Amino acid sequence: MTNEEQARYWNGGEAVHWLVHEERYRRMLAPFTGHLLTSAAIGRADRVVDIGCGTGSSGRCSRPCSAGYVL
């Protein structure tokens, strides 16, 4: 799949699906978030990149662990 195809895919119906179900996915993954953050051992100076991780809730939850950045 080309970048243009990916852009059309994620800016179309698939994006709407993720937005509509964002809270459902967040609740579904919530039991694992603490384990993920503990295992990641994010330090105060670390930077976090959340790539293709659902709705980004795990990346947003990592922000309090770090004085660095979450992208």
PDB file of N, CA and C in Angstrom:
ATOM      1  N   MET A   1       0.843  -1.171   0.000  1.00  0.00           N
ATOM      2  CA  MET A   1       0.000   0.000   0.000  1.00  0.00           C
ATOM      3  C   MET A   1       0.898   1.246   0.000  1.00  0.00           C
ATOM      4  N   THR A   2       0.594   2.196  -0.841  1.00  0.00           N
ATOM      5  CA  THR A   2       1.403   3.416  -0.912  1.00  0.00           C
ATOM      6  C   THR A   2       1.014   4.381   0.213  1.00  0.00           C
ATOM      7  N   ASN A   3       1.842   5.386   0.428  1.00  0.00           N
ATOM      8  CA  ASN A   3       1.534   6.403   1.440  1.00  0.00           C
ATOM      9  C   ASN A   3       0.214   7.106   1.140  1.00  0.00           C
ATOM     10  N   GLU A   4      -0.037   7.375  -0.142  1.00  0.00           N
ATOM     11  CA  GLU A   4      -1.287   8.035  -0.509  1.00  0.00           C
ATOM     12  C   GLU A   4      -2.488   7.163  -0.155  1.00  0.00           C
ATOM     13  N   GLU A   5      -2.361   5.860  -0.399  1.00  0.00           N
ATOM     14  CA  GLU A   5      -3.447   4.932  -0.057  1.00  0.00           C
ATOM     15  C   GLU A   5      -3.653   4.865   1.452  1.00  0.00           C
ATOM     16  N   GLN A   6      -2.548   4.835   2.189  1.00  0.00           N
ATOM     17  CA  GLN A   6      -2.639   4.832   3.646  1.00  0.00           C
ATOM     18  C   GLN A   6      -3.312   6.097   4.158  1.00  0.00           C
ATOM     19  N   ALA A   7      -2.951   7.229   3.591  1.00  0.00           N
ATOM     20  CA  ALA A   7      -3.550   8.499   4.013  1.00  0.00           C
ATOM     21  C   ALA A   7      -5.050   8.488   3.751  1.00  0.00           C
ATOM     22  N   ARG A   8      -5.465   8.014   2.582  1.00  0.00           N
ATOM     23  CA  ARG A   8      -6.900   7.939   2.290  1.00  0.00           C
ATOM     24  C   ARG A   8      -7.600   6.980   3.250  1.00  0.00           C
ATOM     25  N   TYR A   9      -6.971   5.853   3.525  1.00  0.00           N
ATOM     26  CA  TYR A   9      -7.546   4.845   4.421  1.00  0.00           C
ATOM     27  C   TYR A   9      -7.757   5.413   5.825  1.00  0.00           C
ATOM     28  N   TRP A  10      -6.710   6.020   6.394  1.00  0.00           N
ATOM     29  CA  TRP A  10      -6.788   6.502   7.773  1.00  0.00           C
ATOM     30  C   TRP A  10      -7.505   7.830   7.909  1.00  0.00           C
ATOM     31  N   ASN A  11      -7.728   8.531   6.839  1.00  0.00           N
ATOM     32  CA  ASN A  11      -8.504   9.769   6.888  1.00  0.00           C
ATOM     33  C   ASN A  11      -9.951   9.557   6.468  1.00  0.00           C
ATOM     34  N   GLY A  12     -10.316   8.326   6.198  1.00  0.00           N
ATOM     35  CA  GLY A  12     -11.674   8.021   5.764  1.00  0.00           C
ATOM     36  C   GLY A  12     -12.461   7.303   6.844  1.00  0.00           C
ATOM     37  N   GLY A  13     -13.160   6.272   6.425  1.00  0.00           N
ATOM     38  CA  GLY A  13     -14.038   5.524   7.321  1.00  0.00           C
ATOM     39  C   GLY A  13     -13.324   4.893   8.499  1.00  0.00           C
ATOM     40  N   GLU A  14     -12.084   4.471   8.324  1.00  0.00           N
ATOM     41  CA  GLU A  14     -11.357   3.847   9.431  1.00  0.00           C
ATOM     42  C   GLU A  14     -11.128   4.828  10.571  1.00  0.00           C
ATOM     43  N   ALA A  15     -10.822   6.067  10.236  1.00  0.00           N
ATOM     44  CA  ALA A  15     -10.641   7.098  11.276  1.00  0.00           C
ATOM     45  C   ALA A  15     -11.934   7.308  12.044  1.00  0.00           C
ATOM     46  N   VAL A  16     -13.036   7.339  11.331  1.00  0.00           N
ATOM     47  CA  VAL A  16     -14.341   7.511  11.985  1.00  0.00           C
ATOM     48  C   VAL A  16     -14.597   6.363  12.945  1.00  0.00           C
ATOM     49  N   HIS A  17     -14.286   5.148  12.524  1.00  0.00           N
ATOM     50  CA  HIS A  17     -14.474   3.977  13.386  1.00  0.00           C
ATOM     51  C   HIS A  17     -13.699   4.138  14.698  1.00  0.00           C
ATOM     52  N   TRP A  18     -12.410   4.503  14.617  1.00  0.00           N
ATOM     53  CA  TRP A  18     -11.584   4.643  15.821  1.00  0.00           C
ATOM     54  C   TRP A  18     -12.095   5.760  16.712  1.00  0.00           C
ATOM     55  N   LEU A  19     -12.552   6.848  16.129  1.00  0.00           N
ATOM     56  CA  LEU A  19     -13.082   7.958  16.930  1.00  0.00           C
ATOM     57  C   LEU A  19     -14.380   7.577  17.631  1.00  0.00           C
ATOM     58  N   VAL A  20     -15.249   6.889  16.934  1.00  0.00           N
ATOM     59  CA  VAL A  20     -16.526   6.471  17.516  1.00  0.00           C
ATOM     60  C   VAL A  20     -16.309   5.491  18.680  1.00  0.00           C
ATOM     61  N   HIS A  21     -15.315   4.620  18.542  1.00  0.00           N
ATOM     62  CA  HIS A  21     -15.088   3.561  19.528  1.00  0.00           C
ATOM     63  C   HIS A  21     -13.918   3.842  20.478  1.00  0.00           C
ATOM     64  N   GLU A  22     -13.430   5.081  20.486  1.00  0.00           N
ATOM     65  CA  GLU A  22     -12.250   5.423  21.289  1.00  0.00           C
ATOM     66  C   GLU A  22     -12.399   5.031  22.757  1.00  0.00           C
ATOM     67  N   GLU A  23     -13.485   5.394  23.372  1.00  0.00           N
ATOM     68  CA  GLU A  23     -13.681   5.095  24.795  1.00  0.00           C
ATOM     69  C   GLU A  23     -13.772   3.595  25.033  1.00  0.00           C
ATOM     70  N   ARG A  24     -14.405   2.862  24.147  1.00  0.00           N
ATOM     71  CA  ARG A  24     -14.493   1.400  24.270  1.00  0.00           C
ATOM     72  C   ARG A  24     -13.102   0.768  24.234  1.00  0.00           C
ATOM     73  N   TYR A  25     -12.264   1.207  23.290  1.00  0.00           N
ATOM     74  CA  TYR A  25     -10.904   0.666  23.203  1.00  0.00           C
ATOM     75  C   TYR A  25     -10.079   1.061  24.424  1.00  0.00           C
ATOM     76  N   ARG A  26     -10.250   2.290  24.903  1.00  0.00           N
ATOM     77  CA  ARG A  26      -9.513   2.717  26.094  1.00  0.00           C
ATOM     78  C   ARG A  26      -9.867   1.824  27.283  1.00  0.00           C
ATOM     79  N   ARG A  27     -11.154   1.574  27.486  1.00  0.00           N
ATOM     80  CA  ARG A  27     -11.590   0.702  28.591  1.00  0.00           C
ATOM     81  C   ARG A  27     -11.085  -0.723  28.412  1.00  0.00           C
ATOM     82  N   MET A  28     -11.084  -1.204  27.177  1.00  0.00           N
ATOM     83  CA  MET A  28     -10.643  -2.565  26.890  1.00  0.00           C
ATOM     84  C   MET A  28      -9.155  -2.740  27.212  1.00  0.00           C
ATOM     85  N   LEU A  29      -8.362  -1.727  26.918  1.00  0.00           N
ATOM     86  CA  LEU A  29      -6.914  -1.826  27.133  1.00  0.00           C
ATOM     87  C   LEU A  29      -6.463  -1.352  28.512  1.00  0.00           C
ATOM     88  N   ALA A  30      -7.339  -0.698  29.257  1.00  0.00           N
ATOM     89  CA  ALA A  30      -6.985  -0.127  30.563  1.00  0.00           C
ATOM     90  C   ALA A  30      -6.346  -1.133  31.519  1.00  0.00           C
ATOM     91  N   PRO A  31      -6.817  -2.377  31.589  1.00  0.00           N
ATOM     92  CA  PRO A  31      -6.186  -3.320  32.520  1.00  0.00           C
ATOM     93  C   PRO A  31      -4.707  -3.597  32.225  1.00  0.00           C
ATOM     94  N   PHE A  32      -4.279  -3.324  31.008  1.00  0.00           N
ATOM     95  CA  PHE A  32      -2.898  -3.602  30.613  1.00  0.00           C
ATOM     96  C   PHE A  32      -1.993  -2.379  30.691  1.00  0.00           C
ATOM     97  N   THR A  33      -2.582  -1.184  30.761  1.00  0.00           N
ATOM     98  CA  THR A  33      -1.805   0.054  30.697  1.00  0.00           C
ATOM     99  C   THR A  33      -0.799   0.159  31.829  1.00  0.00           C
ATOM    100  N   GLY A  34      -1.205  -0.141  33.049  1.00  0.00           N
ATOM    101  CA  GLY A  34      -0.280  -0.084  34.183  1.00  0.00           C
ATOM    102  C   GLY A  34       0.894  -1.030  34.016  1.00  0.00           C
ATOM    103  N   HIS A  35       0.617  -2.243  33.553  1.00  0.00           N
ATOM    104  CA  HIS A  35       1.681  -3.228  33.316  1.00  0.00           C
ATOM    105  C   HIS A  35       2.638  -2.737  32.226  1.00  0.00           C
ATOM    106  N   LEU A  36       2.066  -2.163  31.183  1.00  0.00           N
ATOM    107  CA  LEU A  36       2.886  -1.631  30.092  1.00  0.00           C
ATOM    108  C   LEU A  36       3.815  -0.532  30.588  1.00  0.00           C
ATOM    109  N   LEU A  37       3.259   0.411  31.350  1.00  0.00           N
ATOM    110  CA  LEU A  37       4.069   1.532  31.834  1.00  0.00           C
ATOM    111  C   LEU A  37       5.121   1.074  32.831  1.00  0.00           C
ATOM    112  N   THR A  38       4.782   0.102  33.672  1.00  0.00           N
ATOM    113  CA  THR A  38       5.770  -0.442  34.615  1.00  0.00           C
ATOM    114  C   THR A  38       6.903  -1.125  33.857  1.00  0.00           C
ATOM    115  N   SER A  39       6.555  -1.935  32.873  1.00  0.00           N
ATOM    116  CA  SER A  39       7.571  -2.643  32.093  1.00  0.00           C
ATOM    117  C   SER A  39       8.433  -1.685  31.286  1.00  0.00           C
ATOM    118  N   ALA A  40       7.824  -0.623  30.777  1.00  0.00           N
ATOM    119  CA  ALA A  40       8.575   0.341  29.972  1.00  0.00           C
ATOM    120  C   ALA A  40       9.552   1.148  30.820  1.00  0.00           C
ATOM    121  N   ALA A  41       9.253   1.294  32.116  1.00  0.00           N
ATOM    122  CA  ALA A  41      10.125   2.026  33.044  1.00  0.00           C
ATOM    123  C   ALA A  41      10.550   3.377  32.469  1.00  0.00           C
ATOM    124  N   ILE A  42       9.583   4.161  32.071  1.00  0.00           N
ATOM    125  CA  ILE A  42       9.849   5.465  31.461  1.00  0.00           C
ATOM    126  C   ILE A  42      10.430   6.401  32.505  1.00  0.00           C
ATOM    127  N   GLY A  43      11.581   6.958  32.196  1.00  0.00           N
ATOM    128  CA  GLY A  43      12.262   7.874  33.114  1.00  0.00           C
ATOM    129  C   GLY A  43      11.865   9.321  32.863  1.00  0.00           C
ATOM    130  N   ARG A  44      12.239  10.187  33.784  1.00  0.00           N
ATOM    131  CA  ARG A  44      11.864  11.604  33.705  1.00  0.00           C
ATOM    132  C   ARG A  44      12.397  12.294  32.447  1.00  0.00           C
ATOM    133  N   ALA A  45      13.523  11.849  31.934  1.00  0.00           N
ATOM    134  CA  ALA A  45      14.107  12.506  30.758  1.00  0.00           C
ATOM    135  C   ALA A  45      13.782  11.775  29.453  1.00  0.00           C
ATOM    136  N   ASP A  46      13.003  10.707  29.527  1.00  0.00           N
ATOM    137  CA  ASP A  46      12.699   9.917  28.336  1.00  0.00           C
ATOM    138  C   ASP A  46      11.669  10.601  27.447  1.00  0.00           C
ATOM    139  N   ARG A  47      11.693  10.216  26.206  1.00  0.00           N
ATOM    140  CA  ARG A  47      10.699  10.669  25.230  1.00  0.00           C
ATOM    141  C   ARG A  47       9.939   9.437  24.758  1.00  0.00           C
ATOM    142  N   VAL A  48       8.649   9.595  24.543  1.00  0.00           N
ATOM    143  CA  VAL A  48       7.787   8.484  24.162  1.00  0.00           C
ATOM    144  C   VAL A  48       7.194   8.756  22.789  1.00  0.00           C
ATOM    145  N   VAL A  49       7.287   7.767  21.907  1.00  0.00           N
ATOM    146  CA  VAL A  49       6.657   7.857  20.600  1.00  0.00           C
ATOM    147  C   VAL A  49       5.600   6.766  20.549  1.00  0.00           C
ATOM    148  N   ASP A  50       4.368   7.160  20.353  1.00  0.00           N
ATOM    149  CA  ASP A  50       3.226   6.251  20.287  1.00  0.00           C
ATOM    150  C   ASP A  50       2.839   6.115  18.826  1.00  0.00           C
ATOM    151  N   ILE A  51       3.226   4.993  18.214  1.00  0.00           N
ATOM    152  CA  ILE A  51       2.989   4.798  16.784  1.00  0.00           C
ATOM    153  C   ILE A  51       2.013   3.646  16.587  1.00  0.00           C
ATOM    154  N   GLY A  52       0.883   3.955  16.014  1.00  0.00           N
ATOM    155  CA  GLY A  52      -0.076   2.908  15.684  1.00  0.00           C
ATOM    156  C   GLY A  52      -0.568   2.140  16.888  1.00  0.00           C
ATOM    157  N   CYS A  53      -0.793   2.834  17.982  1.00  0.00           N
ATOM    158  CA  CYS A  53      -1.193   2.177  19.234  1.00  0.00           C
ATOM    159  C   CYS A  53      -2.639   2.494  19.578  1.00  0.00           C
ATOM    160  N   GLY A  54      -3.524   2.186  18.667  1.00  0.00           N
ATOM    161  CA  GLY A  54      -4.938   2.420  18.941  1.00  0.00           C
ATOM    162  C   GLY A  54      -5.278   3.897  18.957  1.00  0.00           C
ATOM    163  N   THR A  55      -5.853   4.359  20.047  1.00  0.00           N
ATOM    164  CA  THR A  55      -6.307   5.744  20.133  1.00  0.00           C
ATOM    165  C   THR A  55      -5.299   6.663  20.807  1.00  0.00           C
ATOM    166  N   GLY A  56      -4.142   6.140  21.172  1.00  0.00           N
ATOM    167  CA  GLY A  56      -3.108   6.962  21.800  1.00  0.00           C
ATOM    168  C   GLY A  56      -3.220   7.069  23.302  1.00  0.00           C
ATOM    169  N   SER A  57      -4.139   6.337  23.904  1.00  0.00           N
ATOM    170  CA  SER A  57      -4.331   6.462  25.355  1.00  0.00           C
ATOM    171  C   SER A  57      -3.106   6.007  26.141  1.00  0.00           C
ATOM    172  N   SER A  58      -2.399   4.985  25.666  1.00  0.00           N
ATOM    173  CA  SER A  58      -1.205   4.553  26.399  1.00  0.00           C
ATOM    174  C   SER A  58      -0.124   5.629  26.345  1.00  0.00           C
ATOM    175  N   GLY A  59       0.007   6.309  25.225  1.00  0.00           N
ATOM    176  CA  GLY A  59       0.963   7.409  25.120  1.00  0.00           C
ATOM    177  C   GLY A  59       0.597   8.556  26.039  1.00  0.00           C
ATOM    178  N   ARG A  60      -0.688   8.897  26.075  1.00  0.00           N
ATOM    179  CA  ARG A  60      -1.133   9.976  26.966  1.00  0.00           C
ATOM    180  C   ARG A  60      -0.929   9.590  28.429  1.00  0.00           C
ATOM    181  N   CYS A  61      -1.128   8.328  28.773  1.00  0.00           N
ATOM    182  CA  CYS A  61      -0.927   7.884  30.159  1.00  0.00           C
ATOM    183  C   CYS A  61       0.547   7.904  30.541  1.00  0.00           C
ATOM    184  N   SER A  62       1.439   7.811  29.572  1.00  0.00           N
ATOM    185  CA  SER A  62       2.871   7.802  29.879  1.00  0.00           C
ATOM    186  C   SER A  62       3.391   9.193  30.207  1.00  0.00           C
ATOM    187  N   ARG A  63       2.677  10.220  29.854  1.00  0.00           N
ATOM    188  CA  ARG A  63       3.148  11.600  30.047  1.00  0.00           C
ATOM    189  C   ARG A  63       3.470  11.923  31.507  1.00  0.00           C
ATOM    190  N   PRO A  64       2.675  11.518  32.493  1.00  0.00           N
ATOM    191  CA  PRO A  64       3.023  11.839  33.880  1.00  0.00           C
ATOM    192  C   PRO A  64       4.336  11.196  34.350  1.00  0.00           C
ATOM    193  N   CYS A  65       4.812  10.177  33.639  1.00  0.00           N
ATOM    194  CA  CYS A  65       6.044   9.499  34.036  1.00  0.00           C
ATOM    195  C   CYS A  65       7.284  10.253  33.573  1.00  0.00           C
ATOM    196  N   SER A  66       7.100  11.173  32.663  1.00  0.00           N
ATOM    197  CA  SER A  66       8.241  11.769  31.984  1.00  0.00           C
ATOM    198  C   SER A  66       8.128  13.289  31.928  1.00  0.00           C
ATOM    199  N   ALA A  67       9.255  13.941  32.133  1.00  0.00           N
ATOM    200  CA  ALA A  67       9.316  15.387  31.924  1.00  0.00           C
ATOM    201  C   ALA A  67       9.656  15.662  30.460  1.00  0.00           C
ATOM    202  N   GLY A  68       9.903  14.571  29.701  1.00  0.00           N
ATOM    203  CA  GLY A  68      10.226  14.683  28.283  1.00  0.00           C
ATOM    204  C   GLY A  68       8.976  14.880  27.448  1.00  0.00           C
ATOM    205  N   TYR A  69       8.939  14.246  26.311  1.00  0.00           N
ATOM    206  CA  TYR A  69       7.868  14.473  25.359  1.00  0.00           C
ATOM    207  C   TYR A  69       7.140  13.178  25.034  1.00  0.00           C
ATOM    208  N   VAL A  70       5.866  13.318  24.683  1.00  0.00           N
ATOM    209  CA  VAL A  70       5.095  12.225  24.128  1.00  0.00           C
ATOM    210  C   VAL A  70       4.605  12.689  22.771  1.00  0.00           C
ATOM    211  N   LEU A  71       4.955  11.935  21.755  1.00  0.00           N
ATOM    212  CA  LEU A  71       4.561  12.283  20.388  1.00  0.00           C
ATOM    213  C   LEU A  71       3.674  11.189  19.857  1.00  0.00           C
TER     214      LEU A  71
END
